[in-house]
Amino acid sequence: MIKSKFISVSKAKTKLLALVRTMNETGESYILTKDGEPKGVLLPTEVYESYLETMEVEENPKLMSELKQALAEEKKEHLWTRDKKGRWIKYSSKSTKKAA
């Protein structure tokens, strides 16, 4: 989960470099406020990129369909993996339990 702190735009202006350093070190994000109302967000780059990737998937009907199908297959335990030669094979949790 992303930790967020509220900070006024005027305070953020004076502490921008420190905020960026903190974001990079802790992964913390900041919600920028003006007159007590949220107006913007400062996010670590990897969090922002993750949001963009998520939105790209959500906006693509084909990818969303494939994702929903994969999740349904996972619930039914119809999973696939690759063998040592890189070929796709059905994954069986039973076979891994026996080997353990």
PDB file of N, CA and C in Angstrom:
ATOM      1  N   MET A   1       0.842  -1.183   0.000  1.00  0.00           N
ATOM      2  CA  MET A   1       0.000   0.000   0.000  1.00  0.00           C
ATOM      3  C   MET A   1       0.885   1.243   0.000  1.00  0.00           C
ATOM      4  N   ILE A   2       0.452   2.231  -0.725  1.00  0.00           N
ATOM      5  CA  ILE A   2       1.208   3.467  -0.853  1.00  0.00           C
ATOM      6  C   ILE A   2       0.863   4.390   0.309  1.00  0.00           C
ATOM      7  N   LYS A   3       1.912   4.873   0.979  1.00  0.00           N
ATOM      8  CA  LYS A   3       1.708   5.833   2.057  1.00  0.00           C
ATOM      9  C   LYS A   3       1.628   7.224   1.444  1.00  0.00           C
ATOM     10  N   SER A   4       0.618   7.992   1.840  1.00  0.00           N
ATOM     11  CA  SER A   4       0.463   9.354   1.320  1.00  0.00           C
ATOM     12  C   SER A   4       0.338  10.334   2.467  1.00  0.00           C
ATOM     13  N   LYS A   5       0.950  11.485   2.284  1.00  0.00           N
ATOM     14  CA  LYS A   5       0.822  12.576   3.243  1.00  0.00           C
ATOM     15  C   LYS A   5       0.246  13.782   2.520  1.00  0.00           C
ATOM     16  N   PHE A   6      -0.545  14.548   3.238  1.00  0.00           N
ATOM     17  CA  PHE A   6      -1.087  15.782   2.692  1.00  0.00           C
ATOM     18  C   PHE A   6      -0.095  16.905   2.960  1.00  0.00           C
ATOM     19  N   ILE A   7       0.100  17.759   1.956  1.00  0.00           N
ATOM     20  CA  ILE A   7       0.988  18.912   2.116  1.00  0.00           C
ATOM     21  C   ILE A   7       0.453  20.042   1.236  1.00  0.00           C
ATOM     22  N   SER A   8       0.499  21.249   1.749  1.00  0.00           N
ATOM     23  CA  SER A   8       0.002  22.383   0.964  1.00  0.00           C
ATOM     24  C   SER A   8       0.957  22.665  -0.195  1.00  0.00           C
ATOM     25  N   VAL A   9       0.412  23.211  -1.260  1.00  0.00           N
ATOM     26  CA  VAL A   9       1.225  23.550  -2.426  1.00  0.00           C
ATOM     27  C   VAL A   9       2.317  24.539  -2.033  1.00  0.00           C
ATOM     28  N   SER A  10       1.979  25.527  -1.217  1.00  0.00           N
ATOM     29  CA  SER A  10       2.976  26.529  -0.828  1.00  0.00           C
ATOM     30  C   SER A  10       4.113  25.899  -0.023  1.00  0.00           C
ATOM     31  N   LYS A  11       3.802  24.971   0.870  1.00  0.00           N
ATOM     32  CA  LYS A  11       4.851  24.295   1.639  1.00  0.00           C
ATOM     33  C   LYS A  11       5.666  23.367   0.731  1.00  0.00           C
ATOM     34  N   ALA A  12       4.998  22.703  -0.201  1.00  0.00           N
ATOM     35  CA  ALA A  12       5.693  21.802  -1.127  1.00  0.00           C
ATOM     36  C   ALA A  12       6.691  22.572  -1.986  1.00  0.00           C
ATOM     37  N   LYS A  13       6.339  23.805  -2.374  1.00  0.00           N
ATOM     38  CA  LYS A  13       7.252  24.623  -3.183  1.00  0.00           C
ATOM     39  C   LYS A  13       8.581  24.828  -2.467  1.00  0.00           C
ATOM     40  N   THR A  14       8.516  25.077  -1.175  1.00  0.00           N
ATOM     41  CA  THR A  14       9.743  25.368  -0.428  1.00  0.00           C
ATOM     42  C   THR A  14      10.529  24.108  -0.081  1.00  0.00           C
ATOM     43  N   LYS A  15       9.877  22.939  -0.145  1.00  0.00           N
ATOM     44  CA  LYS A  15      10.534  21.692   0.249  1.00  0.00           C
ATOM     45  C   LYS A  15      10.605  20.671  -0.886  1.00  0.00           C
ATOM     46  N   LEU A  16      10.492  21.123  -2.122  1.00  0.00           N
ATOM     47  CA  LEU A  16      10.370  20.189  -3.240  1.00  0.00           C
ATOM     48  C   LEU A  16      11.524  19.189  -3.312  1.00  0.00           C
ATOM     49  N   LEU A  17      12.753  19.648  -3.213  1.00  0.00           N
ATOM     50  CA  LEU A  17      13.895  18.738  -3.301  1.00  0.00           C
ATOM     51  C   LEU A  17      13.857  17.697  -2.182  1.00  0.00           C
ATOM     52  N   ALA A  18      13.530  18.113  -0.970  1.00  0.00           N
ATOM     53  CA  ALA A  18      13.437  17.176   0.160  1.00  0.00           C
ATOM     54  C   ALA A  18      12.301  16.175  -0.052  1.00  0.00           C
ATOM     55  N   LEU A  19      11.189  16.625  -0.610  1.00  0.00           N
ATOM     56  CA  LEU A  19      10.065  15.723  -0.876  1.00  0.00           C
ATOM     57  C   LEU A  19      10.457  14.662  -1.897  1.00  0.00           C
ATOM     58  N   VAL A  20      11.156  15.075  -2.947  1.00  0.00           N
ATOM     59  CA  VAL A  20      11.597  14.130  -3.976  1.00  0.00           C
ATOM     60  C   VAL A  20      12.558  13.112  -3.370  1.00  0.00           C
ATOM     61  N   ARG A  21      13.468  13.563  -2.543  1.00  0.00           N
ATOM     62  CA  ARG A  21      14.404  12.632  -1.886  1.00  0.00           C
ATOM     63  C   ARG A  21      13.648  11.633  -1.012  1.00  0.00           C
ATOM     64  N   THR A  22      12.701  12.120  -0.240  1.00  0.00           N
ATOM     65  CA  THR A  22      11.916  11.243   0.629  1.00  0.00           C
ATOM     66  C   THR A  22      11.128  10.235  -0.194  1.00  0.00           C
ATOM     67  N   MET A  23      10.535  10.685  -1.292  1.00  0.00           N
ATOM     68  CA  MET A  23       9.792   9.760  -2.158  1.00  0.00           C
ATOM     69  C   MET A  23      10.702   8.646  -2.651  1.00  0.00           C
ATOM     70  N   ASN A  24      11.901   8.995  -3.081  1.00  0.00           N
ATOM     71  CA  ASN A  24      12.826   7.991  -3.596  1.00  0.00           C
ATOM     72  C   ASN A  24      13.310   7.038  -2.512  1.00  0.00           C
ATOM     73  N   GLU A  25      13.462   7.526  -1.300  1.00  0.00           N
ATOM     74  CA  GLU A  25      13.966   6.691  -0.205  1.00  0.00           C
ATOM     75  C   GLU A  25      12.881   5.823   0.428  1.00  0.00           C
ATOM     76  N   THR A  26      11.675   6.354   0.551  1.00  0.00           N
ATOM     77  CA  THR A  26      10.634   5.651   1.311  1.00  0.00           C
ATOM     78  C   THR A  26       9.468   5.150   0.464  1.00  0.00           C
ATOM     79  N   GLY A  27       9.341   5.659  -0.757  1.00  0.00           N
ATOM     80  CA  GLY A  27       8.196   5.290  -1.587  1.00  0.00           C
ATOM     81  C   GLY A  27       6.942   6.060  -1.224  1.00  0.00           C
ATOM     82  N   GLU A  28       7.082   7.011  -0.324  1.00  0.00           N
ATOM     83  CA  GLU A  28       5.942   7.807   0.128  1.00  0.00           C
ATOM     84  C   GLU A  28       5.476   8.755  -0.977  1.00  0.00           C
ATOM     85  N   SER A  29       4.187   9.010  -1.035  1.00  0.00           N
ATOM     86  CA  SER A  29       3.646   9.974  -1.995  1.00  0.00           C
ATOM     87  C   SER A  29       3.023  11.136  -1.229  1.00  0.00           C
ATOM     88  N   TYR A  30       2.781  12.218  -1.957  1.00  0.00           N
ATOM     89  CA  TYR A  30       2.226  13.418  -1.337  1.00  0.00           C
ATOM     90  C   TYR A  30       1.002  13.888  -2.109  1.00  0.00           C
ATOM     91  N   ILE A  31      -0.035  14.226  -1.364  1.00  0.00           N
ATOM     92  CA  ILE A  31      -1.233  14.820  -1.947  1.00  0.00           C
ATOM     93  C   ILE A  31      -1.122  16.323  -1.711  1.00  0.00           C
ATOM     94  N   LEU A  32      -1.074  17.074  -2.796  1.00  0.00           N
ATOM     95  CA  LEU A  32      -0.907  18.523  -2.714  1.00  0.00           C
ATOM     96  C   LEU A  32      -2.267  19.187  -2.538  1.00  0.00           C
ATOM     97  N   THR A  33      -2.341  20.089  -1.575  1.00  0.00           N
ATOM     98  CA  THR A  33      -3.609  20.763  -1.294  1.00  0.00           C
ATOM     99  C   THR A  33      -3.483  22.269  -1.498  1.00  0.00           C
ATOM    100  N   LYS A  34      -4.600  22.869  -1.841  1.00  0.00           N
ATOM    101  CA  LYS A  34      -4.705  24.332  -1.910  1.00  0.00           C
ATOM    102  C   LYS A  34      -6.010  24.686  -1.221  1.00  0.00           C
ATOM    103  N   ASP A  35      -5.923  25.522  -0.228  1.00  0.00           N
ATOM    104  CA  ASP A  35      -7.082  25.884   0.595  1.00  0.00           C
ATOM    105  C   ASP A  35      -7.728  24.635   1.195  1.00  0.00           C
ATOM    106  N   GLY A  36      -6.900  23.652   1.547  1.00  0.00           N
ATOM    107  CA  GLY A  36      -7.382  22.436   2.192  1.00  0.00           C
ATOM    108  C   GLY A  36      -7.977  21.395   1.257  1.00  0.00           C
ATOM    109  N   GLU A  37      -8.044  21.700  -0.033  1.00  0.00           N
ATOM    110  CA  GLU A  37      -8.622  20.781  -1.019  1.00  0.00           C
ATOM    111  C   GLU A  37      -7.514  20.093  -1.817  1.00  0.00           C
ATOM    112  N   PRO A  38      -7.616  18.771  -2.027  1.00  0.00           N
ATOM    113  CA  PRO A  38      -6.618  18.071  -2.849  1.00  0.00           C
ATOM    114  C   PRO A  38      -6.627  18.608  -4.281  1.00  0.00           C
ATOM    115  N   LYS A  39      -5.431  18.935  -4.794  1.00  0.00           N
ATOM    116  CA  LYS A  39      -5.327  19.502  -6.143  1.00  0.00           C
ATOM    117  C   LYS A  39      -4.345  18.751  -7.035  1.00  0.00           C
ATOM    118  N   GLY A  40      -3.470  17.934  -6.455  1.00  0.00           N
ATOM    119  CA  GLY A  40      -2.477  17.213  -7.249  1.00  0.00           C
ATOM    120  C   GLY A  40      -1.768  16.189  -6.393  1.00  0.00           C
ATOM    121  N   VAL A  41      -0.879  15.440  -7.039  1.00  0.00           N
ATOM    122  CA  VAL A  41      -0.184  14.359  -6.344  1.00  0.00           C
ATOM    123  C   VAL A  41       1.273  14.318  -6.790  1.00  0.00           C
ATOM    124  N   LEU A  42       2.170  14.069  -5.854  1.00  0.00           N
ATOM    125  CA  LEU A  42       3.569  13.763  -6.156  1.00  0.00           C
ATOM    126  C   LEU A  42       3.751  12.278  -5.883  1.00  0.00           C
ATOM    127  N   LEU A  43       4.182  11.541  -6.913  1.00  0.00           N
ATOM    128  CA  LEU A  43       4.352  10.091  -6.791  1.00  0.00           C
ATOM    129  C   LEU A  43       5.768   9.684  -7.165  1.00  0.00           C
ATOM    130  N   PRO A  44       6.292   8.618  -6.533  1.00  0.00           N
ATOM    131  CA  PRO A  44       7.551   8.053  -7.016  1.00  0.00           C
ATOM    132  C   PRO A  44       7.357   7.582  -8.463  1.00  0.00           C
ATOM    133  N   THR A  45       8.397   7.675  -9.265  1.00  0.00           N
ATOM    134  CA  THR A  45       8.308   7.343 -10.687  1.00  0.00           C
ATOM    135  C   THR A  45       7.780   5.941 -10.920  1.00  0.00           C
ATOM    136  N   GLU A  46       8.255   4.961 -10.150  1.00  0.00           N
ATOM    137  CA  GLU A  46       7.805   3.587 -10.404  1.00  0.00           C
ATOM    138  C   GLU A  46       6.323   3.406 -10.099  1.00  0.00           C
ATOM    139  N   VAL A  47       5.797   4.136  -9.148  1.00  0.00           N
ATOM    140  CA  VAL A  47       4.359   4.074  -8.855  1.00  0.00           C
ATOM    141  C   VAL A  47       3.575   4.690 -10.015  1.00  0.00           C
ATOM    142  N   TYR A  48       4.042   5.822 -10.507  1.00  0.00           N
ATOM    143  CA  TYR A  48       3.394   6.483 -11.643  1.00  0.00           C
ATOM    144  C   TYR A  48       3.391   5.572 -12.867  1.00  0.00           C
ATOM    145  N   GLU A  49       4.546   4.956 -13.166  1.00  0.00           N
ATOM    146  CA  GLU A  49       4.634   4.052 -14.316  1.00  0.00           C
ATOM    147  C   GLU A  49       3.707   2.853 -14.150  1.00  0.00           C
ATOM    148  N   SER A  50       3.588   2.358 -12.930  1.00  0.00           N
ATOM    149  CA  SER A  50       2.686   1.242 -12.656  1.00  0.00           C
ATOM    150  C   SER A  50       1.234   1.639 -12.932  1.00  0.00           C
ATOM    151  N   TYR A  51       0.853   2.850 -12.513  1.00  0.00           N
ATOM    152  CA  TYR A  51      -0.495   3.344 -12.802  1.00  0.00           C
ATOM    153  C   TYR A  51      -0.739   3.420 -14.306  1.00  0.00           C
ATOM    154  N   LEU A  52       0.240   3.939 -15.045  1.00  0.00           N
ATOM    155  CA  LEU A  52       0.089   4.044 -16.500  1.00  0.00           C
ATOM    156  C   LEU A  52      -0.095   2.672 -17.136  1.00  0.00           C
ATOM    157  N   GLU A  53       0.693   1.691 -16.701  1.00  0.00           N
ATOM    158  CA  GLU A  53       0.569   0.336 -17.240  1.00  0.00           C
ATOM    159  C   GLU A  53      -0.798  -0.258 -16.918  1.00  0.00           C
ATOM    160  N   THR A  54      -1.269  -0.037 -15.697  1.00  0.00           N
ATOM    161  CA  THR A  54      -2.580  -0.540 -15.296  1.00  0.00           C
ATOM    162  C   THR A  54      -3.679   0.084 -16.151  1.00  0.00           C
ATOM    163  N   MET A  55      -3.597   1.392 -16.359  1.00  0.00           N
ATOM    164  CA  MET A  55      -4.611   2.064 -17.180  1.00  0.00           C
ATOM    165  C   MET A  55      -4.561   1.562 -18.621  1.00  0.00           C
ATOM    166  N   GLU A  56      -3.358   1.294 -19.126  1.00  0.00           N
ATOM    167  CA  GLU A  56      -3.220   0.780 -20.492  1.00  0.00           C
ATOM    168  C   GLU A  56      -3.918  -0.572 -20.634  1.00  0.00           C
ATOM    169  N   VAL A  57      -3.745  -1.436 -19.640  1.00  0.00           N
ATOM    170  CA  VAL A  57      -4.400  -2.744 -19.669  1.00  0.00           C
ATOM    171  C   VAL A  57      -5.911  -2.574 -19.571  1.00  0.00           C
ATOM    172  N   GLU A  58      -6.364  -1.735 -18.640  1.00  0.00           N
ATOM    173  CA  GLU A  58      -7.797  -1.539 -18.443  1.00  0.00           C
ATOM    174  C   GLU A  58      -8.479  -0.935 -19.666  1.00  0.00           C
ATOM    175  N   GLU A  59      -7.749  -0.156 -20.455  1.00  0.00           N
ATOM    176  CA  GLU A  59      -8.332   0.473 -21.639  1.00  0.00           C
ATOM    177  C   GLU A  59      -8.296  -0.439 -22.861  1.00  0.00           C
ATOM    178  N   ASN A  60      -7.667  -1.606 -22.743  1.00  0.00           N
ATOM    179  CA  ASN A  60      -7.546  -2.531 -23.864  1.00  0.00           C
ATOM    180  C   ASN A  60      -8.489  -3.711 -23.631  1.00  0.00           C
ATOM    181  N   PRO A  61      -9.624  -3.768 -24.337  1.00  0.00           N
ATOM    182  CA  PRO A  61     -10.610  -4.829 -24.108  1.00  0.00           C
ATOM    183  C   PRO A  61     -10.033  -6.239 -24.276  1.00  0.00           C
ATOM    184  N   LYS A  62      -9.139  -6.421 -25.239  1.00  0.00           N
ATOM    185  CA  LYS A  62      -8.560  -7.750 -25.467  1.00  0.00           C
ATOM    186  C   LYS A  62      -7.706  -8.178 -24.269  1.00  0.00           C
ATOM    187  N   LEU A  63      -6.856  -7.271 -23.783  1.00  0.00           N
ATOM    188  CA  LEU A  63      -6.024  -7.601 -22.624  1.00  0.00           C
ATOM    189  C   LEU A  63      -6.870  -7.864 -21.381  1.00  0.00           C
ATOM    190  N   MET A  64      -7.917  -7.062 -21.188  1.00  0.00           N
ATOM    191  CA  MET A  64      -8.793  -7.270 -20.033  1.00  0.00           C
ATOM    192  C   MET A  64      -9.483  -8.621 -20.115  1.00  0.00           C
ATOM    193  N   SER A  65      -9.911  -9.003 -21.303  1.00  0.00           N
ATOM    194  CA  SER A  65     -10.549 -10.301 -21.495  1.00  0.00           C
ATOM    195  C   SER A  65      -9.574 -11.432 -21.168  1.00  0.00           C
ATOM    196  N   GLU A  66      -8.335 -11.306 -21.653  1.00  0.00           N
ATOM    197  CA  GLU A  66      -7.323 -12.325 -21.375  1.00  0.00           C
ATOM    198  C   GLU A  66      -7.012 -12.400 -19.883  1.00  0.00           C
ATOM    199  N   LEU A  67      -6.959 -11.250 -19.232  1.00  0.00           N
ATOM    200  CA  LEU A  67      -6.685 -11.217 -17.800  1.00  0.00           C
ATOM    201  C   LEU A  67      -7.810 -11.880 -17.015  1.00  0.00           C
ATOM    202  N   LYS A  68      -9.055 -11.558 -17.353  1.00  0.00           N
ATOM    203  CA  LYS A  68     -10.200 -12.176 -16.673  1.00  0.00           C
ATOM    204  C   LYS A  68     -10.213 -13.683 -16.883  1.00  0.00           C
ATOM    205  N   GLN A  69      -9.892 -14.110 -18.100  1.00  0.00           N
ATOM    206  CA  GLN A  69      -9.842 -15.543 -18.395  1.00  0.00           C
ATOM    207  C   GLN A  69      -8.735 -16.218 -17.582  1.00  0.00           C
ATOM    208  N   ALA A  70      -7.583 -15.585 -17.497  1.00  0.00           N
ATOM    209  CA  ALA A  70      -6.470 -16.150 -16.732  1.00  0.00           C
ATOM    210  C   ALA A  70      -6.828 -16.261 -15.253  1.00  0.00           C
ATOM    211  N   LEU A  71      -7.508 -15.252 -14.720  1.00  0.00           N
ATOM    212  CA  LEU A  71      -7.914 -15.302 -13.316  1.00  0.00           C
ATOM    213  C   LEU A  71      -8.939 -16.404 -13.077  1.00  0.00           C
ATOM    214  N   ALA A  72      -9.862 -16.582 -14.023  1.00  0.00           N
ATOM    215  CA  ALA A  72     -10.852 -17.658 -13.904  1.00  0.00           C
ATOM    216  C   ALA A  72     -10.164 -19.019 -13.953  1.00  0.00           C
ATOM    217  N   GLU A  73      -9.187 -19.172 -14.829  1.00  0.00           N
ATOM    218  CA  GLU A  73      -8.440 -20.431 -14.926  1.00  0.00           C
ATOM    219  C   GLU A  73      -7.664 -20.690 -13.639  1.00  0.00           C
ATOM    220  N   GLU A  74      -7.118 -19.634 -13.069  1.00  0.00           N
ATOM    221  CA  GLU A  74      -6.368 -19.787 -11.821  1.00  0.00           C
ATOM    222  C   GLU A  74      -7.287 -20.283 -10.703  1.00  0.00           C
ATOM    223  N   LYS A  75      -8.494 -19.743 -10.636  1.00  0.00           N
ATOM    224  CA  LYS A  75      -9.448 -20.179  -9.613  1.00  0.00           C
ATOM    225  C   LYS A  75      -9.789 -21.654  -9.769  1.00  0.00           C
ATOM    226  N   LYS A  76      -9.833 -22.111 -11.009  1.00  0.00           N
ATOM    227  CA  LYS A  76     -10.130 -23.522 -11.274  1.00  0.00           C
ATOM    228  C   LYS A  76      -8.880 -24.390 -11.151  1.00  0.00           C
ATOM    229  N   GLU A  77      -7.765 -23.746 -10.839  1.00  0.00           N
ATOM    230  CA  GLU A  77      -6.458 -24.410 -10.752  1.00  0.00           C
ATOM    231  C   GLU A  77      -6.026 -24.998 -12.089  1.00  0.00           C
ATOM    232  N   HIS A  78      -6.406 -24.331 -13.176  1.00  0.00           N
ATOM    233  CA  HIS A  78      -5.940 -24.698 -14.510  1.00  0.00           C
ATOM    234  C   HIS A  78      -4.778 -23.767 -14.850  1.00  0.00           C
ATOM    235  N   LEU A  79      -3.644 -24.049 -14.288  1.00  0.00           N
ATOM    236  CA  LEU A  79      -2.490 -23.180 -14.452  1.00  0.00           C
ATOM    237  C   LEU A  79      -1.472 -23.804 -15.392  1.00  0.00           C
ATOM    238  N   TRP A  80      -0.702 -22.943 -16.018  1.00  0.00           N
ATOM    239  CA  TRP A  80       0.339 -23.385 -16.938  1.00  0.00           C
ATOM    240  C   TRP A  80       1.681 -22.841 -16.473  1.00  0.00           C
ATOM    241  N   THR A  81       2.722 -23.586 -16.770  1.00  0.00           N
ATOM    242  CA  THR A  81       4.081 -23.155 -16.468  1.00  0.00           C
ATOM    243  C   THR A  81       4.987 -23.667 -17.579  1.00  0.00           C
ATOM    244  N   ARG A  82       6.241 -23.331 -17.501  1.00  0.00           N
ATOM    245  CA  ARG A  82       7.194 -23.832 -18.497  1.00  0.00           C
ATOM    246  C   ARG A  82       8.076 -24.903 -17.864  1.00  0.00           C
ATOM    247  N   ASP A  83       8.373 -25.945 -18.644  1.00  0.00           N
ATOM    248  CA  ASP A  83       9.285 -26.973 -18.155  1.00  0.00           C
ATOM    249  C   ASP A  83      10.726 -26.506 -18.361  1.00  0.00           C
ATOM    250  N   LYS A  84      11.688 -27.367 -18.036  1.00  0.00           N
ATOM    251  CA  LYS A  84      13.101 -26.989 -18.125  1.00  0.00           C
ATOM    252  C   LYS A  84      13.527 -26.637 -19.544  1.00  0.00           C
ATOM    253  N   LYS A  85      12.811 -27.163 -20.536  1.00  0.00           N
ATOM    254  CA  LYS A  85      13.141 -26.874 -21.935  1.00  0.00           C
ATOM    255  C   LYS A  85      12.356 -25.677 -22.478  1.00  0.00           C
ATOM    256  N   GLY A  86      11.550 -25.046 -21.625  1.00  0.00           N
ATOM    257  CA  GLY A  86      10.797 -23.868 -22.033  1.00  0.00           C
ATOM    258  C   GLY A  86       9.458 -24.159 -22.672  1.00  0.00           C
ATOM    259  N   ARG A  87       9.017 -25.416 -22.640  1.00  0.00           N
ATOM    260  CA  ARG A  87       7.718 -25.776 -23.220  1.00  0.00           C
ATOM    261  C   ARG A  87       6.616 -25.529 -22.197  1.00  0.00           C
ATOM    262  N   TRP A  88       5.441 -25.128 -22.693  1.00  0.00           N
ATOM    263  CA  TRP A  88       4.300 -24.907 -21.805  1.00  0.00           C
ATOM    264  C   TRP A  88       3.716 -26.248 -21.382  1.00  0.00           C
ATOM    265  N   ILE A  89       3.505 -26.407 -20.068  1.00  0.00           N
ATOM    266  CA  ILE A  89       2.889 -27.618 -19.522  1.00  0.00           C
ATOM    267  C   ILE A  89       1.877 -27.201 -18.467  1.00  0.00           C
ATOM    268  N   LYS A  90       0.877 -28.056 -18.224  1.00  0.00           N
ATOM    269  CA  LYS A  90      -0.089 -27.763 -17.167  1.00  0.00           C
ATOM    270  C   LYS A  90       0.617 -27.856 -15.824  1.00  0.00           C
ATOM    271  N   TYR A  91       0.344 -26.879 -14.985  1.00  0.00           N
ATOM    272  CA  TYR A  91       0.915 -26.845 -13.652  1.00  0.00           C
ATOM    273  C   TYR A  91      -0.015 -27.596 -12.724  1.00  0.00           C
ATOM    274  N   SER A  92       0.549 -28.443 -11.901  1.00  0.00           N
ATOM    275  CA  SER A  92      -0.260 -29.183 -10.947  1.00  0.00           C
ATOM    276  C   SER A  92       0.293 -28.958  -9.554  1.00  0.00           C
ATOM    277  N   SER A  93      -0.526 -28.372  -8.689  1.00  0.00           N
ATOM    278  CA  SER A  93      -0.075 -28.157  -7.313  1.00  0.00           C
ATOM    279  C   SER A  93       0.106 -29.489  -6.606  1.00  0.00           C
ATOM    280  N   LYS A  94      -0.609 -30.525  -7.061  1.00  0.00           N
ATOM    281  CA  LYS A  94      -0.470 -31.852  -6.459  1.00  0.00           C
ATOM    282  C   LYS A  94       0.920 -32.417  -6.712  1.00  0.00           C
ATOM    283  N   SER A  95       1.439 -32.227  -7.925  1.00  0.00           N
ATOM    284  CA  SER A  95       2.757 -32.775  -8.242  1.00  0.00           C
ATOM    285  C   SER A  95       3.850 -32.062  -7.463  1.00  0.00           C
ATOM    286  N   THR A  96       3.677 -30.768  -7.181  1.00  0.00           N
ATOM    287  CA  THR A  96       4.697 -30.064  -6.412  1.00  0.00           C
ATOM    288  C   THR A  96       4.613 -30.438  -4.942  1.00  0.00           C
ATOM    289  N   LYS A  97       3.422 -30.760  -4.455  1.00  0.00           N
ATOM    290  CA  LYS A  97       3.289 -31.175  -3.062  1.00  0.00           C
ATOM    291  C   LYS A  97       3.942 -32.535  -2.844  1.00  0.00           C
ATOM    292  N   LYS A  98       3.811 -33.440  -3.824  1.00  0.00           N
ATOM    293  CA  LYS A  98       4.419 -34.756  -3.705  1.00  0.00           C
ATOM    294  C   LYS A  98       5.929 -34.659  -3.687  1.00  0.00           C
ATOM    295  N   ALA A  99       6.470 -33.728  -4.498  1.00  0.00           N
ATOM    296  CA  ALA A  99       7.917 -33.595  -4.598  1.00  0.00           C
ATOM    297  C   ALA A  99       8.506 -32.992  -3.332  1.00  0.00           C
ATOM    298  N   ALA A 100       7.715 -32.251  -2.598  1.00  0.00           N
ATOM    299  CA  ALA A 100       8.222 -31.559  -1.413  1.00  0.00           C
ATOM    300  C   ALA A 100       8.424 -32.454  -0.245  1.00  0.00           C
TER     301      ALA A 100
END
